[in-house]
Structures are given as structure tokens and as C-alpha cells.
Amino acid sequence: MLICKDQEIWAQFIDYIQKRISETEYKNWFSQINVIESNNDCTTLEVPNIFVQEYILDNYRKDLLVFFPANKDGELSINFTIKEEQKKRIKSPILPQAALDKDECNFNPLYTFENYIEGPSNQFVKSAAFGVAQNPGKSFNPLFIHGGVGLGKTHLLHSIGNFIRTNYKKSNIKIITTEAFINDLVFNLRNKSVDKMKRYYRNLDVLIVDDIQFLQDRVNFEEEFCNTFESLINQTKQIVIASDKPPGQLKLSQRLVARMEWGLVAHIGIPDLETRVAILQQKSTEKKFAIPNDVAFFIAERIYNNIRQLEGAINRLAAFSQLSNSEINIEMTQNILQEMLFFTPQKRVSVDSILKAVASAFEIKISDLKGECRLKNIAQARQVAMYLSKELISDSLQKIASSFGGKTHSTLLHAWKKISSELEKNQTLFRQIEIIKKNIES
């Protein structure tokens, strides 16, 4: 028996949740849920499909517990039932234009290989991306690009798309965020047109996917993406994926992680000072705004881990200069960008400072870290030092490795991979490395 009180509670929950999520998210996940039965112990909600049920439980359980009681085991007192198919045959709806029209990919024309600034931190990944664009499906497949926020991953993805669109005009190519892929799947599940969606994605020549990390903890969506992935790879169609972490650090199935590691995994690091200055100068040229060298270095020393912030700084300065009809100097820059320049100038981290901090933490000699001793504690300390050197220094692998008693770049890369893997399961090592980092920066 349906109790009015529970309808009111559901309405209150919907009013609460609508204020905290986007309109698109509300339409996808909540608009078709109904309260169909209730008693003193439990409420039953009718959902359009199992995907909606799992998404609601995974992402909104805590919010639901605010409005609906928990049972004696502490679990949510809500049952779900899947909506029965309507008896009348429904015409297959038209897919969203973004999913069907390959000309709707909207590659940003400003993102090209020509205006992508190279430096030690991104030279390798740019070369890999250009190789893929020149020979889609025939060189590195899949190409997996990972790095922090605002370091140029999206620029490279659009550069690949723009190059292929220009030079392979008949290619069926699509760029999409993981969130958009999930929304596509939800839309087609709701409208019973999943087969049409599958045919569309699996007939692409190039699929470019941004922010794959948002597929974590979404098992059903991951399975559909993995099936699409395998279908395209088996047809030698090109796949390019971007993420904020390497595949092995994502909470995805071993099946999908293994497939993403089939091709080439390439990392974008934090650009060095000279590269950041070059980026500032290029962005100012695009804005037809002349930035003095001393101002460029002043900004680059204080905004060093996000290219988007560098661009934002140039936009502000250019606007101020044009509106006030004045030239920019350091004092003026500091006033205009004061809330962006809360960073202290970045202390340059060297291999020597890392060796000193690691040797102190492990209570061994610096000479042991540079030597060949294979005792377990020394070998691990050496690998930690190599890991930190690759993470914190933007020099080439060869240059960094040579600081460890003439080691090769492959030895350094092996150490970095081993420590990266160990950090996923060893909290003691994770905390130890965090302490070492603080000691290096102090």
C-alpha cells in the first residue's frame, strides 16, 4: 500500500538532490524513478533499468539515508523493482546528434601539434601522439596518455583529431569524455536502442576518450566500454585514451587495465621553467599582447603545475592592459594576479637533494644509493630515490639515471614502475615517501 507520507519524503529528497546535481544528471538518473509501494519497514522504488539502480546506490546512498531509514543491519530500507516493458511497441528513437554525426566531434581548432609547446616533460608523449595521428591503427594502439590536471592532455587529444580529420577525410572519428559515453549508454538503455549505439561505436575508425578515470567503480558501464574497446582493437581501429593516472593505478578490472597497457603508455609531467615561459609567450602572442620577459619568468616561477592557470594569467593581464591602455610590469602583475600567486617560488629539486633525503630516511649512505649493492634495504632505498627523481624532476631519464652512478634510463624506469606498483598496496611505504617529499621541499 502506498503511503502519502513516503511520496512526500521522496519529493523532498528529489528537491534536495536537484539543487546539488546538473539538469542532465537529474534527467539521466532520477526523472523516471517512482515510489510504487511502501510500508513501515521498507519503500519500493521503480527504476527503468539495473544501471540506474546501481548508479543510485553507488553514488547517493548517504543522501538517501538522510531521508529514508536504515534497517537493523544499517542498510538502506529501500527495494528496487525494474519497470516492466510497455506492451505497445515503441518506435526506435533517434540517437542524440552528438552520437551519430561524425562531424559533430567539435575538435578545438586552436589545439594543434603546431602550437603545442614541447619540453623535457612532454617531448616523448607528443612524438607518440603525432605518430598515432600520422598512422592511425598502425603504430601505437591503444595510446594511453596520463598526467595531472591542466598539463596538456586534452590539447594532444584534439591535436590528434584535427590532424586525422585534415589528412584522413573519410575516417569516421569520435572524441568523447567518459561521462558523455556513460550518458550515451544510459540514454540508449532508456530508449531500448543499445544495439544501434553499439553498431555506431564499433564502426568508428578512431575513438578518442578523455578522463577514463571516471569509469572507476561503474562495473556495468566498464563492461560495455571494454567490449567496444576489444571490438575496435580487433579491427585494428585506433584508440586513444587519457587519464590522470596510469592504467595500473586505476580502480578498473584487470581485463580492461591489461588491454589499455597493450599499446603505449605515455606520461606528461610538469613543464620546467623554460617551457612554462615559452607557453606564456605563445599564449600572449595569440592574444596579441606583448608580455615582458621578466614578467613571464615572474609568473612561471609562481604558477608551475597547471598550464590552464598560466593561460588564465595571460587572459587577465591582456584584458587589464587593453582596458587601461598600459604596459604590464612585475608590480602590476603581482597586484592583478595576487590570488593566483599564492605559491612561493618553486624550489628546484635536484637528484642530490633527493639522495640526501632518502639516505637519511633509510639510514644508509648516499654512496650506497649510487652503488651496486643489492642488499634488500639498500636496493629498495635506491628504487625509491629513482622513483622520486622521475616524479619530481623534469630532466630526461638518461640525465637523471646518470646521477645514480651511471645507471641506464631503463633501470630508472624499472625502479619507477616497481615503486608505483608497490605504493598501491603498501601504506607504510606510501607514508614513508610522503615524509621524504616533505623533507626534500623543506
Protein backbone atom coordinates (compact mmCIF):
# COMPACT_ATOMS: atom_id res chain seq x y z
CA MET A 1 0.00 0.00 0.00
CA LEU A 2 1.36 3.40 -0.99
CA ILE A 3 1.57 5.89 1.85
CA CYS A 4 1.31 9.61 1.02
CA LYS A 5 3.97 10.37 3.60
CA ASP A 6 6.54 8.40 1.61
CA GLN A 7 5.60 10.20 -1.58
CA GLU A 8 6.25 13.44 0.28
CA ILE A 9 9.62 12.16 1.55
CA TRP A 10 10.62 11.16 -1.99
CA ALA A 11 9.57 14.60 -3.24
CA GLN A 12 11.69 16.20 -0.51
CA PHE A 13 14.66 14.03 -1.50
CA ILE A 14 14.25 14.98 -5.18
CA ASP A 15 14.05 18.67 -4.28
CA TYR A 16 17.23 18.26 -2.20
CA ILE A 17 19.15 16.38 -4.89
CA GLN A 18 18.14 18.66 -7.80
CA LYS A 19 19.91 21.55 -6.10
CA ARG A 20 23.17 19.58 -5.98
CA ILE A 21 23.46 17.99 -9.44
CA SER A 22 23.24 19.12 -13.06
CA GLU A 23 19.99 19.02 -15.04
CA THR A 24 21.46 16.36 -17.35
CA GLU A 25 22.41 14.14 -14.43
CA TYR A 26 18.94 14.52 -12.93
CA LYS A 27 17.26 13.54 -16.21
CA ASN A 28 19.53 10.53 -16.65
CA TRP A 29 19.27 9.10 -13.15
CA PHE A 30 16.22 10.39 -11.26
CA SER A 31 13.50 11.64 -13.61
CA GLN A 32 11.99 8.19 -14.24
CA ILE A 33 12.09 6.81 -10.69
CA ASN A 34 8.72 6.37 -8.94
CA VAL A 35 7.61 5.31 -5.45
CA ILE A 36 5.23 2.37 -6.04
CA GLU A 37 4.90 0.68 -2.66
CA SER A 38 5.64 1.41 0.97
CA ASN A 39 5.07 0.10 4.47
CA ASN A 40 6.52 0.80 7.86
CA ASP A 41 9.64 -1.26 7.17
CA CYS A 42 10.56 -0.56 3.55
CA THR A 43 9.93 1.61 0.48
CA THR A 44 9.94 0.22 -3.07
CA LEU A 45 11.20 2.37 -5.93
CA GLU A 46 10.55 1.59 -9.58
CA VAL A 47 13.59 2.24 -11.81
CA PRO A 48 13.87 1.97 -15.62
CA ASN A 49 16.81 -0.47 -15.58
CA ILE A 50 19.50 -2.10 -13.44
CA PHE A 51 22.11 0.51 -14.42
CA VAL A 52 20.09 3.30 -12.79
CA GLN A 53 19.63 1.22 -9.63
CA GLU A 54 23.35 0.51 -9.27
CA TYR A 55 24.33 4.10 -10.02
CA ILE A 56 21.92 5.45 -7.39
CA LEU A 57 23.17 3.03 -4.73
CA ASP A 58 26.83 3.63 -5.57
CA ASN A 59 26.63 7.42 -5.60
CA TYR A 60 23.68 8.56 -3.49
CA ARG A 61 23.37 6.02 -0.66
CA LYS A 62 24.41 8.55 2.01
CA ASP A 63 21.93 11.13 0.68
CA LEU A 64 19.10 8.57 0.70
CA LEU A 65 19.90 7.62 4.31
CA VAL A 66 19.20 11.22 5.32
CA PHE A 67 15.59 10.86 4.14
CA PHE A 68 14.86 7.12 4.38
CA PRO A 69 15.52 4.94 7.46
CA ALA A 70 18.08 2.17 7.71
CA ASN A 71 17.21 -1.38 8.78
CA LYS A 72 18.66 -3.12 11.83
CA ASP A 73 21.79 -4.03 9.81
CA GLY A 74 22.38 -0.40 8.91
CA GLU A 75 21.42 -0.97 5.27
CA LEU A 76 19.08 1.31 3.33
CA SER A 77 15.40 0.27 3.73
CA ILE A 78 14.63 0.61 0.03
CA ASN A 79 13.81 -2.09 -2.50
CA PHE A 80 14.12 -1.57 -6.23
CA THR A 81 11.99 -3.02 -8.97
CA ILE A 82 12.67 -2.79 -12.70
CA LYS A 83 9.94 -1.16 -14.75
CA GLU A 84 8.10 -3.63 -16.96
CA GLU A 85 8.33 -3.07 -20.70
CA GLN A 86 5.33 -1.29 -22.15
CA LYS A 87 3.03 -3.55 -24.13
CA LYS A 88 2.76 -1.12 -27.01
CA ARG A 89 5.65 -1.30 -29.38
CA ILE A 90 7.70 1.86 -29.24
CA LYS A 91 9.43 3.15 -32.33
CA SER A 92 13.19 3.11 -32.04
CA PRO A 93 14.15 6.68 -31.13
CA ILE A 94 16.79 8.69 -32.90
CA LEU A 95 20.13 8.81 -31.10
CA PRO A 96 21.43 12.15 -29.90
CA GLN A 97 23.04 14.06 -32.73
CA ALA A 98 26.38 14.03 -30.91
CA ALA A 99 26.43 10.24 -31.01
CA LEU A 100 25.55 9.78 -34.67
CA ASP A 101 27.03 12.65 -36.61
CA LYS A 102 30.76 12.24 -37.03
CA ASP A 103 31.04 15.93 -37.98
CA GLU A 104 29.72 16.83 -34.55
CA CYS A 105 33.00 15.92 -32.84
CA ASN A 106 33.87 19.58 -32.30
CA PHE A 107 37.64 19.32 -32.26
CA ASN A 108 39.02 22.59 -30.93
CA PRO A 109 40.78 24.24 -33.91
CA LEU A 110 43.17 26.02 -31.52
CA TYR A 111 44.58 22.69 -30.34
CA THR A 112 47.11 21.51 -32.92
CA PHE A 113 50.55 19.93 -32.92
CA GLU A 114 51.97 23.16 -34.36
CA ASN A 115 51.10 25.24 -31.29
CA TYR A 116 51.84 22.57 -28.69
CA ILE A 117 54.93 23.72 -26.75
CA GLU A 118 57.50 20.95 -26.29
CA GLY A 119 59.77 20.48 -23.31
CA PRO A 120 61.56 17.65 -21.50
CA SER A 121 58.34 16.70 -19.68
CA ASN A 122 56.19 16.17 -22.78
CA GLN A 123 58.50 15.62 -25.73
CA PHE A 124 58.06 11.85 -25.75
CA VAL A 125 54.27 11.90 -25.43
CA LYS A 126 53.93 14.50 -28.19
CA SER A 127 56.02 12.35 -30.53
CA ALA A 128 53.85 9.33 -29.71
CA ALA A 129 50.64 11.30 -30.34
CA PHE A 130 51.95 12.61 -33.66
CA GLY A 131 52.94 9.08 -34.69
CA VAL A 132 49.40 7.88 -33.99
CA ALA A 133 47.90 10.77 -35.96
CA GLN A 134 50.11 10.00 -38.96
CA ASN A 135 49.31 6.27 -38.99
CA PRO A 136 46.08 5.63 -37.06
CA GLY A 137 45.70 1.99 -36.07
CA LYS A 138 49.18 1.07 -37.29
CA SER A 139 51.66 2.40 -34.72
CA PHE A 140 50.81 2.65 -31.01
CA ASN A 141 47.42 1.13 -30.37
CA PRO A 142 45.99 1.90 -27.94
CA LEU A 143 47.82 5.07 -26.94
CA PHE A 144 47.26 5.82 -23.25
CA ILE A 145 48.23 9.35 -22.12
CA HIS A 146 48.31 10.17 -18.42
CA GLY A 147 49.29 13.16 -16.31
CA GLY A 148 47.97 15.72 -13.82
CA VAL A 149 45.22 18.26 -14.37
CA GLY A 150 45.97 21.08 -16.79
CA LEU A 151 49.18 19.66 -18.28
CA GLY A 152 48.04 19.41 -21.91
CA LYS A 153 46.37 16.00 -22.31
CA THR A 154 43.24 17.44 -23.91
CA HIS A 155 45.35 19.60 -26.24
CA LEU A 156 47.07 16.46 -27.53
CA LEU A 157 43.78 14.57 -27.96
CA HIS A 158 42.34 17.38 -30.08
CA SER A 159 45.61 17.71 -31.98
CA ILE A 160 45.34 14.04 -32.97
CA GLY A 161 41.73 14.54 -34.02
CA ASN A 162 42.43 17.69 -36.03
CA PHE A 163 45.35 16.07 -37.85
CA ILE A 164 43.38 12.94 -38.75
CA ARG A 165 40.32 14.95 -39.79
CA THR A 166 42.51 17.03 -42.13
CA ASN A 167 44.60 14.20 -43.60
CA TYR A 168 42.16 11.26 -43.50
CA LYS A 169 38.95 12.96 -44.53
CA LYS A 170 36.97 9.72 -44.89
CA SER A 171 37.83 8.49 -41.40
CA ASN A 172 34.92 8.03 -39.02
CA ILE A 173 36.36 9.61 -35.88
CA LYS A 174 34.88 10.49 -32.49
CA ILE A 175 36.21 12.25 -29.41
CA ILE A 176 34.20 11.87 -26.22
CA THR A 177 34.58 12.20 -22.47
CA THR A 178 33.89 9.16 -20.31
CA GLU A 179 30.94 10.97 -18.74
CA ALA A 180 29.44 11.56 -22.19
CA PHE A 181 29.92 7.87 -23.07
CA ILE A 182 28.06 6.90 -19.88
CA ASN A 183 25.28 9.37 -20.69
CA ASP A 184 25.02 7.93 -24.21
CA LEU A 185 24.68 4.43 -22.78
CA VAL A 186 22.04 5.49 -20.24
CA PHE A 187 20.04 7.30 -22.94
CA ASN A 188 20.06 4.26 -25.19
CA LEU A 189 19.21 1.86 -22.38
CA ARG A 190 16.24 4.02 -21.51
CA ASN A 191 15.12 4.14 -25.14
CA LYS A 192 15.91 0.49 -25.90
CA SER A 193 18.35 1.40 -28.67
CA VAL A 194 21.57 -0.05 -27.25
CA ASP A 195 22.17 -2.18 -30.35
CA LYS A 196 22.16 0.93 -32.52
CA MET A 197 24.65 2.61 -30.19
CA LYS A 198 26.91 -0.47 -30.27
CA ARG A 199 26.89 -0.51 -34.08
CA TYR A 200 27.77 3.17 -34.17
CA TYR A 201 30.75 2.97 -31.79
CA ARG A 202 32.08 -0.27 -33.24
CA ASN A 203 32.13 1.12 -36.76
CA LEU A 204 34.40 4.02 -35.84
CA ASP A 205 37.88 4.27 -37.33
CA VAL A 206 39.26 6.32 -34.44
CA LEU A 207 37.89 6.60 -30.90
CA ILE A 208 39.42 9.22 -28.56
CA VAL A 209 38.32 9.05 -24.92
CA ASP A 210 39.16 11.66 -22.26
CA ASP A 211 39.05 11.23 -18.45
CA ILE A 212 38.81 7.43 -18.38
CA GLN A 213 39.26 7.62 -14.58
CA PHE A 214 35.54 8.43 -14.30
CA LEU A 215 34.81 4.84 -15.35
CA GLN A 216 36.09 3.63 -11.96
CA ASP A 217 33.56 1.79 -9.76
CA ARG A 218 30.99 1.67 -12.58
CA VAL A 219 31.15 -2.00 -13.41
CA ASN A 220 28.33 -2.28 -15.96
CA PHE A 221 29.45 0.76 -17.92
CA GLU A 222 33.03 -0.50 -17.80
CA GLU A 223 31.97 -3.81 -19.31
CA GLU A 224 30.28 -2.12 -22.28
CA PHE A 225 33.30 0.13 -22.83
CA CYS A 226 35.63 -2.88 -22.65
CA ASN A 227 33.54 -4.72 -25.27
CA THR A 228 33.68 -1.68 -27.55
CA PHE A 229 37.42 -1.39 -26.92
CA GLU A 230 38.05 -5.02 -27.89
CA SER A 231 35.88 -4.78 -30.99
CA LEU A 232 37.80 -1.77 -32.32
CA ILE A 233 41.23 -3.17 -31.45
CA ASN A 234 40.39 -6.45 -33.19
CA GLN A 235 39.57 -4.43 -36.33
CA THR A 236 42.90 -2.53 -35.97
CA LYS A 237 40.98 0.71 -35.41
CA GLN A 238 42.81 3.39 -33.42
CA ILE A 239 42.01 4.08 -29.76
CA VAL A 240 43.48 6.96 -27.75
CA ILE A 241 42.73 7.30 -24.03
CA ALA A 242 43.63 9.99 -21.49
CA SER A 243 43.60 9.79 -17.70
CA ASP A 244 45.04 11.46 -14.63
CA LYS A 245 46.73 8.19 -13.61
CA PRO A 246 48.44 5.28 -15.42
CA PRO A 247 46.28 2.18 -16.08
CA GLY A 248 47.75 0.19 -13.19
CA GLN A 249 46.65 2.83 -10.66
CA LEU A 250 43.03 2.97 -11.83
CA LYS A 251 40.33 1.03 -9.98
CA LEU A 252 39.26 -0.85 -13.08
CA SER A 253 39.05 -4.55 -13.91
CA GLN A 254 42.29 -6.38 -14.67
CA ARG A 255 40.79 -7.21 -18.06
CA LEU A 256 40.45 -3.55 -19.06
CA VAL A 257 43.74 -2.47 -17.46
CA ALA A 258 45.60 -5.18 -19.38
CA ARG A 259 44.02 -4.07 -22.65
CA MET A 260 44.90 -0.43 -22.06
CA GLU A 261 48.52 -1.46 -21.45
CA TRP A 262 48.68 -3.39 -24.74
CA GLY A 263 49.97 -0.43 -26.70
CA LEU A 264 51.94 2.54 -25.41
CA VAL A 265 51.50 4.25 -22.03
CA ALA A 266 52.95 7.78 -22.12
CA HIS A 267 53.26 10.26 -19.24
CA ILE A 268 53.02 14.07 -19.31
CA GLY A 269 54.98 15.65 -16.49
CA ILE A 270 55.03 19.15 -15.02
CA PRO A 271 56.73 21.52 -17.51
CA ASP A 272 60.05 23.00 -16.50
CA LEU A 273 60.58 26.74 -16.03
CA GLU A 274 61.74 27.41 -19.60
CA THR A 275 58.78 25.52 -21.07
CA ARG A 276 56.35 27.46 -18.87
CA VAL A 277 57.87 30.74 -20.04
CA ALA A 278 57.53 29.60 -23.68
CA ILE A 279 53.86 28.73 -23.04
CA LEU A 280 53.21 32.17 -21.55
CA GLN A 281 54.90 33.86 -24.51
CA GLN A 282 52.92 31.83 -27.03
CA LYS A 283 49.60 32.49 -25.27
CA SER A 284 50.37 36.21 -25.13
CA THR A 285 51.17 36.20 -28.85
CA GLU A 286 47.81 34.54 -29.58
CA LYS A 287 46.17 37.34 -27.57
CA LYS A 288 48.23 39.95 -29.47
CA PHE A 289 49.61 41.04 -26.13
CA ALA A 290 53.32 41.62 -25.52
CA ILE A 291 54.49 40.21 -22.19
CA PRO A 292 57.95 41.33 -20.97
CA ASN A 293 60.44 38.52 -20.30
CA ASP A 294 60.89 39.44 -16.65
CA VAL A 295 57.10 39.28 -16.14
CA ALA A 296 56.93 35.91 -17.91
CA PHE A 297 59.62 34.47 -15.62
CA PHE A 298 57.96 36.05 -12.56
CA ILE A 299 54.68 34.25 -13.35
CA ALA A 300 56.32 30.97 -14.40
CA GLU A 301 58.20 30.76 -11.10
CA ARG A 302 54.95 31.06 -9.16
CA ILE A 303 52.47 29.09 -11.27
CA TYR A 304 54.21 25.86 -12.12
CA ASN A 305 51.89 22.84 -12.09
CA ASN A 306 48.97 23.83 -14.30
CA ILE A 307 49.10 25.17 -17.87
CA ARG A 308 45.48 26.30 -17.68
CA GLN A 309 46.38 28.64 -14.84
CA LEU A 310 49.17 30.09 -16.97
CA GLU A 311 46.65 30.77 -19.73
CA GLY A 312 44.24 32.29 -17.21
CA ALA A 313 47.01 34.61 -16.00
CA ILE A 314 47.68 35.81 -19.56
CA ASN A 315 43.97 36.39 -20.16
CA ARG A 316 43.75 38.63 -17.09
CA LEU A 317 46.86 40.60 -17.92
CA ALA A 318 45.83 41.06 -21.57
CA ALA A 319 42.38 42.30 -20.55
CA PHE A 320 43.83 44.75 -17.99
CA SER A 321 46.41 46.04 -20.44
CA GLN A 322 43.81 46.66 -23.15
CA LEU A 323 41.26 48.29 -20.83
CA SER A 324 43.79 50.52 -19.09
CA ASN A 325 45.94 51.08 -22.19
CA SER A 326 49.07 50.47 -20.13
CA GLU A 327 52.12 48.23 -20.26
CA ILE A 328 52.48 45.41 -17.78
CA ASN A 329 55.31 45.27 -15.23
CA ILE A 330 56.08 42.96 -12.30
CA GLU A 331 54.49 45.16 -9.64
CA MET A 332 51.27 45.45 -11.67
CA THR A 333 51.30 41.71 -12.36
CA GLN A 334 51.56 40.94 -8.66
CA ASN A 335 48.52 43.13 -7.93
CA ILE A 336 46.39 41.74 -10.77
CA LEU A 337 47.22 38.09 -10.12
CA GLN A 338 47.57 38.23 -6.33
CA GLU A 339 45.06 35.42 -5.62
CA MET A 340 46.69 33.21 -8.27
CA LEU A 341 50.21 33.77 -7.00
CA PHE A 342 49.76 32.29 -3.56
CA PHE A 343 52.52 29.82 -4.38
CA THR A 344 56.00 30.58 -3.17
CA PRO A 345 58.60 30.31 -5.92
CA GLN A 346 59.17 26.64 -6.58
CA LYS A 347 62.33 25.29 -5.02
CA ARG A 348 64.29 23.46 -7.66
CA VAL A 349 64.56 19.81 -6.67
CA SER A 350 67.83 18.11 -7.57
CA VAL A 351 68.92 14.48 -7.55
CA ASP A 352 71.40 15.39 -4.80
CA SER A 353 68.63 16.71 -2.53
CA ILE A 354 66.59 13.55 -3.16
CA LEU A 355 69.57 11.29 -2.43
CA LYS A 356 70.23 13.17 0.79
CA ALA A 357 66.60 12.88 1.97
CA VAL A 358 66.30 9.18 1.04
CA ALA A 359 69.65 8.28 2.64
CA SER A 360 68.55 9.98 5.86
CA ALA A 361 65.15 8.24 5.87
CA PHE A 362 66.62 4.77 5.28
CA GLU A 363 69.69 5.43 7.44
CA ILE A 364 72.20 4.50 4.75
CA LYS A 365 74.99 6.28 2.90
CA ILE A 366 74.47 8.30 -0.28
CA SER A 367 77.30 6.28 -1.84
CA ASP A 368 75.20 3.12 -1.30
CA LEU A 369 72.35 4.66 -3.31
CA LYS A 370 74.73 5.30 -6.19
CA GLY A 371 76.45 1.94 -5.88
CA GLU A 372 75.68 -1.64 -6.92
CA CYS A 373 74.88 -3.17 -3.51
CA ARG A 374 71.85 -5.48 -3.77
CA LEU A 375 71.01 -5.81 -0.08
CA LYS A 376 67.22 -5.57 0.22
CA ASN A 377 67.01 -2.33 2.24
CA ILE A 378 69.61 -0.57 0.07
CA ALA A 379 68.05 -1.77 -3.19
CA GLN A 380 64.62 -0.53 -2.11
CA ALA A 381 66.02 2.82 -0.98
CA ARG A 382 67.74 3.20 -4.36
CA GLN A 383 64.47 2.43 -6.17
CA VAL A 384 62.62 4.97 -4.00
CA ALA A 385 65.23 7.61 -4.86
CA MET A 386 64.86 6.81 -8.57
CA TYR A 387 61.07 6.91 -8.28
CA LEU A 388 61.15 10.33 -6.61
CA SER A 389 63.67 11.65 -9.13
CA LYS A 390 61.39 10.73 -12.04
CA GLU A 391 58.34 12.19 -10.27
CA LEU A 392 59.90 15.46 -9.12
CA ILE A 393 62.50 16.33 -11.76
CA SER A 394 61.68 17.24 -15.35
CA ASP A 395 65.11 16.33 -16.81
CA SER A 396 65.41 13.44 -19.27
CA LEU A 397 65.51 9.89 -17.92
CA GLN A 398 69.04 9.46 -19.24
CA LYS A 399 70.28 12.54 -17.36
CA ILE A 400 68.59 11.52 -14.11
CA ALA A 401 69.82 7.91 -14.35
CA SER A 402 73.41 9.03 -14.92
CA SER A 403 73.32 10.70 -11.46
CA PHE A 404 72.93 7.24 -9.90
CA GLY A 405 76.45 6.10 -10.60
CA GLY A 406 75.95 5.90 -14.37
CA LYS A 407 72.76 3.77 -14.34
CA THR A 408 70.73 3.46 -17.57
CA HIS A 409 67.33 5.02 -18.18
CA SER A 410 65.76 1.54 -18.37
CA THR A 411 66.99 0.81 -14.82
CA LEU A 412 65.41 4.06 -13.65
CA LEU A 413 62.13 3.26 -15.43
CA HIS A 414 62.06 -0.24 -13.93
CA ALA A 415 62.53 1.20 -10.42
CA TRP A 416 59.78 3.77 -11.00
CA LYS A 417 57.32 1.09 -12.17
CA LYS A 418 58.15 -1.19 -9.26
CA ILE A 419 57.68 1.51 -6.60
CA SER A 420 54.50 2.79 -8.33
CA SER A 421 53.06 -0.71 -8.15
CA GLU A 422 54.15 -1.20 -4.55
CA LEU A 423 52.52 2.06 -3.45
CA GLU A 424 49.10 0.71 -4.43
CA LYS A 425 49.22 -1.89 -1.66
CA ASN A 426 51.91 -0.77 0.81
CA GLN A 427 50.63 2.06 3.01
CA THR A 428 53.80 2.08 5.12
CA LEU A 429 55.93 2.80 2.06
CA PHE A 430 53.42 5.42 0.89
CA ARG A 431 53.67 7.31 4.19
CA GLN A 432 57.47 6.99 4.19
CA ILE A 433 57.70 8.51 0.71
CA GLU A 434 55.36 11.36 1.68
CA ILE A 435 57.63 12.17 4.64
CA ILE A 436 60.69 12.11 2.35
CA LYS A 437 58.93 14.50 -0.06
CA LYS A 438 58.28 16.97 2.77
CA ASN A 439 61.92 16.77 3.82
CA ILE A 440 63.05 17.46 0.24
CA GLU A 441 60.79 20.52 -0.02
CA SER A 442 61.67 21.95 3.41
